[in-house]
């Protein structure tokens, strides 16, 4: 799958936008159902982390699309770190369509 839904610091014009910018790809406004939590422990303390739930309101973000994601997943997984996990999600596009994409969500605490 060559699409990634982002909602935090990887979004355009945010602190870490350069990471996806260096990969190069297309952006589209999009959303998913979930809730944003602010991490309160560990190295990513203070950063947003989403929990997916179809019953929750929409979380606004962006769909990043490029064939170059395949060779960059390990770098992105490493960047996101131990408090996030990459999962598939149904994304609602700004034009009314839907698509499957990867996103990073808050990893459940043991």
PDB file of N, CA and C in Angstrom:
ATOM      1  N   UNK A   1       0.852  -1.179   0.000  1.00  0.00           N
ATOM      2  CA  UNK A   1       0.000   0.000   0.000  1.00  0.00           C
ATOM      3  C   UNK A   1       0.896   1.241   0.000  1.00  0.00           C
ATOM      4  N   UNK A   2       0.586   2.186  -0.858  1.00  0.00           N
ATOM      5  CA  UNK A   2       1.465   3.334  -1.031  1.00  0.00           C
ATOM      6  C   UNK A   2       0.839   4.637  -0.527  1.00  0.00           C
ATOM      7  N   UNK A   3       0.058   4.532   0.568  1.00  0.00           N
ATOM      8  CA  UNK A   3      -0.596   5.707   1.126  1.00  0.00           C
ATOM      9  C   UNK A   3      -0.452   5.717   2.650  1.00  0.00           C
ATOM     10  N   UNK A   4      -0.292   6.932   3.185  1.00  0.00           N
ATOM     11  CA  UNK A   4      -0.153   7.120   4.627  1.00  0.00           C
ATOM     12  C   UNK A   4      -1.030   8.284   5.047  1.00  0.00           C
ATOM     13  N   UNK A   5      -1.921   8.043   6.034  1.00  0.00           N
ATOM     14  CA  UNK A   5      -2.724   9.117   6.618  1.00  0.00           C
ATOM     15  C   UNK A   5      -1.952   9.703   7.784  1.00  0.00           C
ATOM     16  N   UNK A   6      -1.755  11.029   7.768  1.00  0.00           N
ATOM     17  CA  UNK A   6      -1.046  11.698   8.861  1.00  0.00           C
ATOM     18  C   UNK A   6      -1.947  12.765   9.471  1.00  0.00           C
ATOM     19  N   UNK A   7      -1.763  13.003  10.772  1.00  0.00           N
ATOM     20  CA  UNK A   7      -2.629  13.925  11.506  1.00  0.00           C
ATOM     21  C   UNK A   7      -1.852  14.786  12.494  1.00  0.00           C
ATOM     22  N   UNK A   8      -0.552  14.600  12.585  1.00  0.00           N
ATOM     23  CA  UNK A   8       0.240  15.326  13.581  1.00  0.00           C
ATOM     24  C   UNK A   8       1.416  16.045  12.962  1.00  0.00           C
ATOM     25  N   UNK A   9       2.584  15.822  13.531  1.00  0.00           N
ATOM     26  CA  UNK A   9       3.761  16.601  13.147  1.00  0.00           C
ATOM     27  C   UNK A   9       4.287  16.295  11.752  1.00  0.00           C
ATOM     28  N   UNK A  10       3.812  15.219  11.103  1.00  0.00           N
ATOM     29  CA  UNK A  10       4.232  14.917   9.728  1.00  0.00           C
ATOM     30  C   UNK A  10       3.390  15.666   8.688  1.00  0.00           C
ATOM     31  N   UNK A  11       2.330  16.347   9.104  1.00  0.00           N
ATOM     32  CA  UNK A  11       1.472  17.083   8.174  1.00  0.00           C
ATOM     33  C   UNK A  11       2.237  18.237   7.533  1.00  0.00           C
ATOM     34  N   UNK A  12       1.779  18.686   6.357  1.00  0.00           N
ATOM     35  CA  UNK A  12       2.406  19.848   5.719  1.00  0.00           C
ATOM     36  C   UNK A  12       2.444  21.049   6.671  1.00  0.00           C
ATOM     37  N   UNK A  13       3.547  21.769   6.616  1.00  0.00           N
ATOM     38  CA  UNK A  13       3.757  22.984   7.419  1.00  0.00           C
ATOM     39  C   UNK A  13       3.817  22.726   8.922  1.00  0.00           C
ATOM     40  N   UNK A  14       4.134  21.492   9.318  1.00  0.00           N
ATOM     41  CA  UNK A  14       4.300  21.161  10.737  1.00  0.00           C
ATOM     42  C   UNK A  14       5.764  20.844  11.023  1.00  0.00           C
ATOM     43  N   UNK A  15       6.087  20.570  12.277  1.00  0.00           N
ATOM     44  CA  UNK A  15       7.465  20.415  12.721  1.00  0.00           C
ATOM     45  C   UNK A  15       8.266  19.374  11.942  1.00  0.00           C
ATOM     46  N   UNK A  16       7.652  18.269  11.586  1.00  0.00           N
ATOM     47  CA  UNK A  16       8.378  17.175  10.926  1.00  0.00           C
ATOM     48  C   UNK A  16       7.941  16.946   9.481  1.00  0.00           C
ATOM     49  N   UNK A  17       7.353  17.959   8.853  1.00  0.00           N
ATOM     50  CA  UNK A  17       6.889  17.847   7.469  1.00  0.00           C
ATOM     51  C   UNK A  17       8.032  17.505   6.517  1.00  0.00           C
ATOM     52  N   UNK A  18       9.249  17.905   6.866  1.00  0.00           N
ATOM     53  CA  UNK A  18      10.404  17.652   5.989  1.00  0.00           C
ATOM     54  C   UNK A  18      10.660  16.163   5.777  1.00  0.00           C
ATOM     55  N   UNK A  19      10.246  15.328   6.722  1.00  0.00           N
ATOM     56  CA  UNK A  19      10.515  13.887   6.600  1.00  0.00           C
ATOM     57  C   UNK A  19       9.784  13.307   5.390  1.00  0.00           C
ATOM     58  N   UNK A  20       8.495  13.609   5.259  1.00  0.00           N
ATOM     59  CA  UNK A  20       7.762  13.134   4.085  1.00  0.00           C
ATOM     60  C   UNK A  20       8.101  13.986   2.863  1.00  0.00           C
ATOM     61  N   UNK A  21       8.425  15.249   3.092  1.00  0.00           N
ATOM     62  CA  UNK A  21       8.817  16.114   1.991  1.00  0.00           C
ATOM     63  C   UNK A  21      10.046  15.599   1.263  1.00  0.00           C
ATOM     64  N   UNK A  22      10.980  15.005   2.009  1.00  0.00           N
ATOM     65  CA  UNK A  22      12.192  14.453   1.401  1.00  0.00           C
ATOM     66  C   UNK A  22      11.890  13.196   0.592  1.00  0.00           C
ATOM     67  N   UNK A  23      10.822  12.473   0.946  1.00  0.00           N
ATOM     68  CA  UNK A  23      10.415  11.297   0.170  1.00  0.00           C
ATOM     69  C   UNK A  23       9.769  11.753  -1.132  1.00  0.00           C
ATOM     70  N   UNK A  24       8.919  12.762  -1.030  1.00  0.00           N
ATOM     71  CA  UNK A  24       8.225  13.297  -2.200  1.00  0.00           C
ATOM     72  C   UNK A  24       6.977  12.504  -2.516  1.00  0.00           C
ATOM     73  N   UNK A  25       5.870  13.201  -2.681  1.00  0.00           N
ATOM     74  CA  UNK A  25       4.605  12.543  -2.991  1.00  0.00           C
ATOM     75  C   UNK A  25       3.486  13.548  -3.104  1.00  0.00           C
ATOM     76  N   UNK A  26       2.268  13.046  -3.185  1.00  0.00           N
ATOM     77  CA  UNK A  26       1.080  13.888  -3.334  1.00  0.00           C
ATOM     78  C   UNK A  26       0.308  13.946  -2.021  1.00  0.00           C
ATOM     79  N   UNK A  27      -0.316  15.089  -1.764  1.00  0.00           N
ATOM     80  CA  UNK A  27      -1.086  15.323  -0.551  1.00  0.00           C
ATOM     81  C   UNK A  27      -2.546  15.550  -0.904  1.00  0.00           C
ATOM     82  N   UNK A  28      -3.430  15.050  -0.039  1.00  0.00           N
ATOM     83  CA  UNK A  28      -4.860  15.288  -0.193  1.00  0.00           C
ATOM     84  C   UNK A  28      -5.469  15.398   1.200  1.00  0.00           C
ATOM     85  N   UNK A  29      -6.329  16.393   1.410  1.00  0.00           N
ATOM     86  CA  UNK A  29      -7.010  16.489   2.696  1.00  0.00           C
ATOM     87  C   UNK A  29      -7.896  15.263   2.871  1.00  0.00           C
ATOM     88  N   UNK A  30      -7.913  14.743   4.108  1.00  0.00           N
ATOM     89  CA  UNK A  30      -8.652  13.517   4.393  1.00  0.00           C
ATOM     90  C   UNK A  30      -8.951  13.452   5.882  1.00  0.00           C
ATOM     91  N   UNK A  31      -9.687  12.420   6.291  1.00  0.00           N
ATOM     92  CA  UNK A  31     -10.014  12.254   7.708  1.00  0.00           C
ATOM     93  C   UNK A  31     -10.292  10.788   8.006  1.00  0.00           C
ATOM     94  N   UNK A  32     -10.207  10.461   9.291  1.00  0.00           N
ATOM     95  CA  UNK A  32     -10.540   9.129   9.785  1.00  0.00           C
ATOM     96  C   UNK A  32     -11.309   9.288  11.092  1.00  0.00           C
ATOM     97  N   UNK A  33     -12.036   8.249  11.476  1.00  0.00           N
ATOM     98  CA  UNK A  33     -12.764   8.275  12.750  1.00  0.00           C
ATOM     99  C   UNK A  33     -11.825   7.856  13.873  1.00  0.00           C
ATOM    100  N   UNK A  34     -11.728   8.698  14.890  1.00  0.00           N
ATOM    101  CA  UNK A  34     -10.877   8.370  16.026  1.00  0.00           C
ATOM    102  C   UNK A  34     -10.841   9.510  17.020  1.00  0.00           C
ATOM    103  N   UNK A  35      -9.981   9.351  18.006  1.00  0.00           N
ATOM    104  CA  UNK A  35      -9.778  10.363  19.039  1.00  0.00           C
ATOM    105  C   UNK A  35      -8.287  10.585  19.209  1.00  0.00           C
ATOM    106  N   UNK A  36      -7.904  11.845  19.288  1.00  0.00           N
ATOM    107  CA  UNK A  36      -6.506  12.196  19.521  1.00  0.00           C
ATOM    108  C   UNK A  36      -6.264  12.283  21.025  1.00  0.00           C
ATOM    109  N   UNK A  37      -5.222  11.611  21.460  1.00  0.00           N
ATOM    110  CA  UNK A  37      -4.763  11.696  22.849  1.00  0.00           C
ATOM    111  C   UNK A  37      -3.372  12.328  22.834  1.00  0.00           C
ATOM    112  N   UNK A  38      -3.031  13.018  23.892  1.00  0.00           N
ATOM    113  CA  UNK A  38      -1.683  13.564  24.024  1.00  0.00           C
ATOM    114  C   UNK A  38      -0.901  12.607  24.916  1.00  0.00           C
ATOM    115  N   UNK A  39       0.198  12.094  24.384  1.00  0.00           N
ATOM    116  CA  UNK A  39       0.995  11.125  25.147  1.00  0.00           C
ATOM    117  C   UNK A  39       1.522  11.774  26.416  1.00  0.00           C
ATOM    118  N   UNK A  40       1.417  11.059  27.526  1.00  0.00           N
ATOM    119  CA  UNK A  40       1.824  11.627  28.814  1.00  0.00           C
ATOM    120  C   UNK A  40       2.981  10.869  29.453  1.00  0.00           C
ATOM    121  N   UNK A  41       3.690  10.070  28.637  1.00  0.00           N
ATOM    122  CA  UNK A  41       4.846   9.333  29.165  1.00  0.00           C
ATOM    123  C   UNK A  41       5.811   9.062  28.012  1.00  0.00           C
ATOM    124  N   UNK A  42       7.016   8.716  28.337  1.00  0.00           N
ATOM    125  CA  UNK A  42       7.996   8.266  27.350  1.00  0.00           C
ATOM    126  C   UNK A  42       8.593   9.369  26.498  1.00  0.00           C
ATOM    127  N   UNK A  43       9.356   8.962  25.485  1.00  0.00           N
ATOM    128  CA  UNK A  43      10.097   9.921  24.676  1.00  0.00           C
ATOM    129  C   UNK A  43       9.216  10.821  23.813  1.00  0.00           C
ATOM    130  N   UNK A  44       7.979  10.434  23.570  1.00  0.00           N
ATOM    131  CA  UNK A  44       7.080  11.233  22.738  1.00  0.00           C
ATOM    132  C   UNK A  44       6.062  12.012  23.560  1.00  0.00           C
ATOM    133  N   UNK A  45       6.367  12.206  24.847  1.00  0.00           N
ATOM    134  CA  UNK A  45       5.456  12.917  25.742  1.00  0.00           C
ATOM    135  C   UNK A  45       5.082  14.262  25.126  1.00  0.00           C
ATOM    136  N   UNK A  46       3.790  14.574  25.150  1.00  0.00           N
ATOM    137  CA  UNK A  46       3.286  15.832  24.626  1.00  0.00           C
ATOM    138  C   UNK A  46       2.866  15.781  23.166  1.00  0.00           C
ATOM    139  N   UNK A  47       3.141  14.674  22.480  1.00  0.00           N
ATOM    140  CA  UNK A  47       2.779  14.556  21.070  1.00  0.00           C
ATOM    141  C   UNK A  47       1.419  13.872  20.909  1.00  0.00           C
ATOM    142  N   UNK A  48       0.721  14.167  19.805  1.00  0.00           N
ATOM    143  CA  UNK A  48      -0.586  13.545  19.579  1.00  0.00           C
ATOM    144  C   UNK A  48      -0.453  12.093  19.147  1.00  0.00           C
ATOM    145  N   UNK A  49      -1.377  11.273  19.609  1.00  0.00           N
ATOM    146  CA  UNK A  49      -1.459   9.872  19.199  1.00  0.00           C
ATOM    147  C   UNK A  49      -2.939   9.526  19.083  1.00  0.00           C
ATOM    148  N   UNK A  50      -3.308   8.913  17.982  1.00  0.00           N
ATOM    149  CA  UNK A  50      -4.711   8.630  17.715  1.00  0.00           C
ATOM    150  C   UNK A  50      -5.085   7.209  18.136  1.00  0.00           C
ATOM    151  N   UNK A  51      -6.325   7.073  18.604  1.00  0.00           N
ATOM    152  CA  UNK A  51      -6.953   5.780  18.826  1.00  0.00           C
ATOM    153  C   UNK A  51      -8.126   5.726  17.854  1.00  0.00           C
ATOM    154  N   UNK A  52      -8.128   4.725  16.974  1.00  0.00           N
ATOM    155  CA  UNK A  52      -9.177   4.594  15.970  1.00  0.00           C
ATOM    156  C   UNK A  52     -10.445   4.038  16.583  1.00  0.00           C
ATOM    157  N   UNK A  53     -11.586   4.597  16.156  1.00  0.00           N
ATOM    158  CA  UNK A  53     -12.882   4.100  16.590  1.00  0.00           C
ATOM    159  C   UNK A  53     -13.925   4.655  15.632  1.00  0.00           C
ATOM    160  N   UNK A  54     -14.615   3.782  14.914  1.00  0.00           N
ATOM    161  CA  UNK A  54     -15.614   4.212  13.928  1.00  0.00           C
ATOM    162  C   UNK A  54     -16.736   5.047  14.544  1.00  0.00           C
ATOM    163  N   UNK A  55     -16.974   4.906  15.855  1.00  0.00           N
ATOM    164  CA  UNK A  55     -18.039   5.658  16.514  1.00  0.00           C
ATOM    165  C   UNK A  55     -17.598   7.073  16.909  1.00  0.00           C
ATOM    166  N   UNK A  56     -16.302   7.346  16.833  1.00  0.00           N
ATOM    167  CA  UNK A  56     -15.776   8.657  17.225  1.00  0.00           C
ATOM    168  C   UNK A  56     -15.899   9.659  16.080  1.00  0.00           C
ATOM    169  N   UNK A  57     -15.772  10.954  16.403  1.00  0.00           N
ATOM    170  CA  UNK A  57     -15.814  11.979  15.355  1.00  0.00           C
ATOM    171  C   UNK A  57     -14.618  11.846  14.407  1.00  0.00           C
ATOM    172  N   UNK A  58     -14.654  12.609  13.342  1.00  0.00           N
ATOM    173  CA  UNK A  58     -13.567  12.583  12.368  1.00  0.00           C
ATOM    174  C   UNK A  58     -12.352  13.353  12.871  1.00  0.00           C
ATOM    175  N   UNK A  59     -11.184  12.785  12.635  1.00  0.00           N
ATOM    176  CA  UNK A  59      -9.905  13.444  12.875  1.00  0.00           C
ATOM    177  C   UNK A  59      -9.421  13.930  11.513  1.00  0.00           C
ATOM    178  N   UNK A  60      -9.202  15.223  11.387  1.00  0.00           N
ATOM    179  CA  UNK A  60      -8.756  15.802  10.121  1.00  0.00           C
ATOM    180  C   UNK A  60      -7.255  15.607   9.961  1.00  0.00           C
ATOM    181  N   UNK A  61      -6.843  15.362   8.725  1.00  0.00           N
ATOM    182  CA  UNK A  61      -5.430  15.201   8.432  1.00  0.00           C
ATOM    183  C   UNK A  61      -5.210  15.194   6.937  1.00  0.00           C
ATOM    184  N   UNK A  62      -4.169  14.477   6.524  1.00  0.00           N
ATOM    185  CA  UNK A  62      -3.797  14.429   5.118  1.00  0.00           C
ATOM    186  C   UNK A  62      -3.459  13.006   4.706  1.00  0.00           C
ATOM    187  N   UNK A  63      -3.783  12.687   3.462  1.00  0.00           N
ATOM    188  CA  UNK A  63      -3.371  11.436   2.860  1.00  0.00           C
ATOM    189  C   UNK A  63      -2.147  11.734   2.001  1.00  0.00           C
ATOM    190  N   UNK A  64      -1.035  11.072   2.321  1.00  0.00           N
ATOM    191  CA  UNK A  64       0.212  11.214   1.579  1.00  0.00           C
ATOM    192  C   UNK A  64       0.352   9.977   0.697  1.00  0.00           C
ATOM    193  N   UNK A  65       0.549  10.182  -0.603  1.00  0.00           N
ATOM    194  CA  UNK A  65       0.605   9.067  -1.545  1.00  0.00           C
ATOM    195  C   UNK A  65       1.882   9.133  -2.366  1.00  0.00           C
ATOM    196  N   UNK A  66       2.606   7.994  -2.420  1.00  0.00           N
ATOM    197  CA  UNK A  66       3.792   7.886  -3.252  1.00  0.00           C
ATOM    198  C   UNK A  66       4.207   6.426  -3.350  1.00  0.00           C
ATOM    199  N   UNK A  67       4.745   6.058  -4.491  1.00  0.00           N
ATOM    200  CA  UNK A  67       5.285   4.706  -4.660  1.00  0.00           C
ATOM    201  C   UNK A  67       6.571   4.514  -3.860  1.00  0.00           C
ATOM    202  N   UNK A  68       7.123   5.587  -3.318  1.00  0.00           N
ATOM    203  CA  UNK A  68       8.388   5.517  -2.580  1.00  0.00           C
ATOM    204  C   UNK A  68       8.202   5.119  -1.117  1.00  0.00           C
ATOM    205  N   UNK A  69       6.963   4.960  -0.658  1.00  0.00           N
ATOM    206  CA  UNK A  69       6.751   4.591   0.743  1.00  0.00           C
ATOM    207  C   UNK A  69       7.322   3.212   1.059  1.00  0.00           C
ATOM    208  N   UNK A  70       7.211   2.284   0.119  1.00  0.00           N
ATOM    209  CA  UNK A  70       7.663   0.910   0.365  1.00  0.00           C
ATOM    210  C   UNK A  70       9.099   0.864   0.884  1.00  0.00           C
ATOM    211  N   UNK A  71       9.977   1.625   0.272  1.00  0.00           N
ATOM    212  CA  UNK A  71      11.380   1.595   0.707  1.00  0.00           C
ATOM    213  C   UNK A  71      11.645   2.512   1.902  1.00  0.00           C
ATOM    214  N   UNK A  72      10.610   3.184   2.415  1.00  0.00           N
ATOM    215  CA  UNK A  72      10.792   4.095   3.548  1.00  0.00           C
ATOM    216  C   UNK A  72      10.030   3.684   4.806  1.00  0.00           C
ATOM    217  N   UNK A  73       9.330   2.546   4.766  1.00  0.00           N
ATOM    218  CA  UNK A  73       8.549   2.148   5.951  1.00  0.00           C
ATOM    219  C   UNK A  73       9.429   1.955   7.181  1.00  0.00           C
ATOM    220  N   UNK A  74      10.575   1.323   7.043  1.00  0.00           N
ATOM    221  CA  UNK A  74      11.417   1.090   8.221  1.00  0.00           C
ATOM    222  C   UNK A  74      11.872   2.403   8.836  1.00  0.00           C
ATOM    223  N   UNK A  75      12.264   3.363   8.001  1.00  0.00           N
ATOM    224  CA  UNK A  75      12.673   4.679   8.503  1.00  0.00           C
ATOM    225  C   UNK A  75      11.511   5.355   9.218  1.00  0.00           C
ATOM    226  N   UNK A  76      10.303   5.286   8.639  1.00  0.00           N
ATOM    227  CA  UNK A  76       9.141   5.917   9.263  1.00  0.00           C
ATOM    228  C   UNK A  76       8.749   5.211  10.554  1.00  0.00           C
ATOM    229  N   UNK A  77       8.793   3.880  10.560  1.00  0.00           N
ATOM    230  CA  UNK A  77       8.496   3.133  11.789  1.00  0.00           C
ATOM    231  C   UNK A  77       9.488   3.515  12.889  1.00  0.00           C
ATOM    232  N   UNK A  78      10.765   3.620  12.525  1.00  0.00           N
ATOM    233  CA  UNK A  78      11.787   4.005  13.500  1.00  0.00           C
ATOM    234  C   UNK A  78      11.551   5.425  13.990  1.00  0.00           C
ATOM    235  N   UNK A  79      11.207   6.328  13.086  1.00  0.00           N
ATOM    236  CA  UNK A  79      10.937   7.715  13.461  1.00  0.00           C
ATOM    237  C   UNK A  79       9.774   7.792  14.446  1.00  0.00           C
ATOM    238  N   UNK A  80       8.695   7.081  14.153  1.00  0.00           N
ATOM    239  CA  UNK A  80       7.517   7.127  15.025  1.00  0.00           C
ATOM    240  C   UNK A  80       7.815   6.540  16.400  1.00  0.00           C
ATOM    241  N   UNK A  81       8.643   5.522  16.457  1.00  0.00           N
ATOM    242  CA  UNK A  81       9.115   5.033  17.740  1.00  0.00           C
ATOM    243  C   UNK A  81       8.205   4.044  18.434  1.00  0.00           C
ATOM    244  N   UNK A  82       8.558   3.775  19.687  1.00  0.00           N
ATOM    245  CA  UNK A  82       7.965   2.672  20.439  1.00  0.00           C
ATOM    246  C   UNK A  82       6.534   2.937  20.901  1.00  0.00           C
ATOM    247  N   UNK A  83       6.083   4.177  20.874  1.00  0.00           N
ATOM    248  CA  UNK A  83       4.752   4.468  21.387  1.00  0.00           C
ATOM    249  C   UNK A  83       3.671   4.471  20.307  1.00  0.00           C
ATOM    250  N   UNK A  84       4.073   4.199  19.072  1.00  0.00           N
ATOM    251  CA  UNK A  84       3.137   4.177  17.947  1.00  0.00           C
ATOM    252  C   UNK A  84       3.237   2.850  17.217  1.00  0.00           C
ATOM    253  N   UNK A  85       2.143   2.460  16.583  1.00  0.00           N
ATOM    254  CA  UNK A  85       2.183   1.295  15.698  1.00  0.00           C
ATOM    255  C   UNK A  85       1.471   1.660  14.403  1.00  0.00           C
ATOM    256  N   UNK A  86       1.949   1.090  13.305  1.00  0.00           N
ATOM    257  CA  UNK A  86       1.365   1.350  11.981  1.00  0.00           C
ATOM    258  C   UNK A  86       0.262   0.338  11.728  1.00  0.00           C
ATOM    259  N   UNK A  87      -0.932   0.852  11.377  1.00  0.00           N
ATOM    260  CA  UNK A  87      -2.087  -0.002  11.120  1.00  0.00           C
ATOM    261  C   UNK A  87      -2.811   0.491   9.866  1.00  0.00           C
ATOM    262  N   UNK A  88      -3.606  -0.397   9.259  1.00  0.00           N
ATOM    263  CA  UNK A  88      -4.442  -0.009   8.127  1.00  0.00           C
ATOM    264  C   UNK A  88      -5.705   0.672   8.639  1.00  0.00           C
ATOM    265  N   UNK A  89      -6.178   1.652   7.861  1.00  0.00           N
ATOM    266  CA  UNK A  89      -7.378   2.388   8.249  1.00  0.00           C
ATOM    267  C   UNK A  89      -8.148   2.782   6.992  1.00  0.00           C
ATOM    268  N   UNK A  90      -9.458   2.869   7.134  1.00  0.00           N
ATOM    269  CA  UNK A  90     -10.313   3.386   6.071  1.00  0.00           C
ATOM    270  C   UNK A  90     -10.289   4.908   6.170  1.00  0.00           C
ATOM    271  N   UNK A  91      -9.882   5.568   5.100  1.00  0.00           N
ATOM    272  CA  UNK A  91      -9.727   7.021   5.075  1.00  0.00           C
ATOM    273  C   UNK A  91     -10.832   7.634   4.233  1.00  0.00           C
ATOM    274  N   UNK A  92     -11.432   8.692   4.763  1.00  0.00           N
ATOM    275  CA  UNK A  92     -12.430   9.445   4.008  1.00  0.00           C
ATOM    276  C   UNK A  92     -11.730  10.610   3.314  1.00  0.00           C
ATOM    277  N   UNK A  93     -11.867  10.668   2.006  1.00  0.00           N
ATOM    278  CA  UNK A  93     -11.212  11.706   1.213  1.00  0.00           C
ATOM    279  C   UNK A  93     -12.082  12.954   1.141  1.00  0.00           C
ATOM    280  N   UNK A  94     -11.448  14.086   0.905  1.00  0.00           N
ATOM    281  CA  UNK A  94     -12.178  15.358   0.853  1.00  0.00           C
ATOM    282  C   UNK A  94     -13.169  15.399  -0.299  1.00  0.00           C
ATOM    283  N   UNK A  95     -12.988  14.557  -1.329  1.00  0.00           N
ATOM    284  CA  UNK A  95     -13.918  14.535  -2.462  1.00  0.00           C
ATOM    285  C   UNK A  95     -15.092  13.575  -2.235  1.00  0.00           C
ATOM    286  N   UNK A  96     -15.177  12.987  -1.036  1.00  0.00           N
ATOM    287  CA  UNK A  96     -16.275  12.098  -0.700  1.00  0.00           C
ATOM    288  C   UNK A  96     -15.962  10.622  -0.850  1.00  0.00           C
ATOM    289  N   UNK A  97     -14.856  10.283  -1.511  1.00  0.00           N
ATOM    290  CA  UNK A  97     -14.469   8.893  -1.678  1.00  0.00           C
ATOM    291  C   UNK A  97     -13.795   8.343  -0.428  1.00  0.00           C
ATOM    292  N   UNK A  98     -13.467   7.065  -0.470  1.00  0.00           N
ATOM    293  CA  UNK A  98     -12.732   6.429   0.623  1.00  0.00           C
ATOM    294  C   UNK A  98     -11.601   5.597   0.027  1.00  0.00           C
ATOM    295  N   UNK A  99     -10.596   5.323   0.851  1.00  0.00           N
ATOM    296  CA  UNK A  99      -9.474   4.496   0.434  1.00  0.00           C
ATOM    297  C   UNK A  99      -8.843   3.881   1.672  1.00  0.00           C
ATOM    298  N   UNK A 100      -8.109   2.804   1.468  1.00  0.00           N
ATOM    299  CA  UNK A 100      -7.325   2.217   2.554  1.00  0.00           C
ATOM    300  C   UNK A 100      -5.948   2.855   2.586  1.00  0.00           C
ATOM    301  N   UNK A 101      -5.436   3.090   3.771  1.00  0.00           N
ATOM    302  CA  UNK A 101      -4.096   3.652   3.931  1.00  0.00           C
ATOM    303  C   UNK A 101      -3.522   3.170   5.256  1.00  0.00           C
ATOM    304  N   UNK A 102      -2.244   3.370   5.424  1.00  0.00           N
ATOM    305  CA  UNK A 102      -1.595   3.142   6.705  1.00  0.00           C
ATOM    306  C   UNK A 102      -1.714   4.414   7.525  1.00  0.00           C
ATOM    307  N   UNK A 103      -1.688   4.285   8.841  1.00  0.00           N
ATOM    308  CA  UNK A 103      -1.561   5.419   9.739  1.00  0.00           C
ATOM    309  C   UNK A 103      -0.862   4.928  10.989  1.00  0.00           C
ATOM    310  N   UNK A 104      -0.357   5.854  11.767  1.00  0.00           N
ATOM    311  CA  UNK A 104       0.270   5.511  13.043  1.00  0.00           C
ATOM    312  C   UNK A 104      -0.684   5.848  14.175  1.00  0.00           C
ATOM    313  N   UNK A 105      -0.928   4.875  15.037  1.00  0.00           N
ATOM    314  CA  UNK A 105      -1.832   5.052  16.170  1.00  0.00           C
ATOM    315  C   UNK A 105      -1.080   4.806  17.462  1.00  0.00           C
ATOM    316  N   UNK A 106      -1.716   5.210  18.563  1.00  0.00           N
ATOM    317  CA  UNK A 106      -1.115   4.994  19.874  1.00  0.00           C
ATOM    318  C   UNK A 106      -1.054   3.484  20.153  1.00  0.00           C
ATOM    319  N   UNK A 107       0.118   3.008  20.474  1.00  0.00           N
ATOM    320  CA  UNK A 107       0.282   1.598  20.807  1.00  0.00           C
ATOM    321  C   UNK A 107      -0.325   1.349  22.173  1.00  0.00           C
ATOM    322  N   UNK A 108      -1.159   0.320  22.310  1.00  0.00           N
ATOM    323  CA  UNK A 108      -1.745   0.034  23.627  1.00  0.00           C
ATOM    324  C   UNK A 108      -0.645  -0.254  24.659  1.00  0.00           C
ATOM    325  N   UNK A 109      -0.849   0.274  25.864  1.00  0.00           N
ATOM    326  CA  UNK A 109       0.104  -0.003  26.938  1.00  0.00           C
ATOM    327  C   UNK A 109      -0.167  -1.380  27.491  1.00  0.00           C
ATOM    328  N   UNK A 110       0.901  -2.080  27.811  1.00  0.00           N
ATOM    329  CA  UNK A 110       0.774  -3.436  28.355  1.00  0.00           C
ATOM    330  C   UNK A 110       0.257  -3.415  29.777  1.00  0.00           C
TER     331      UNK A 110
END
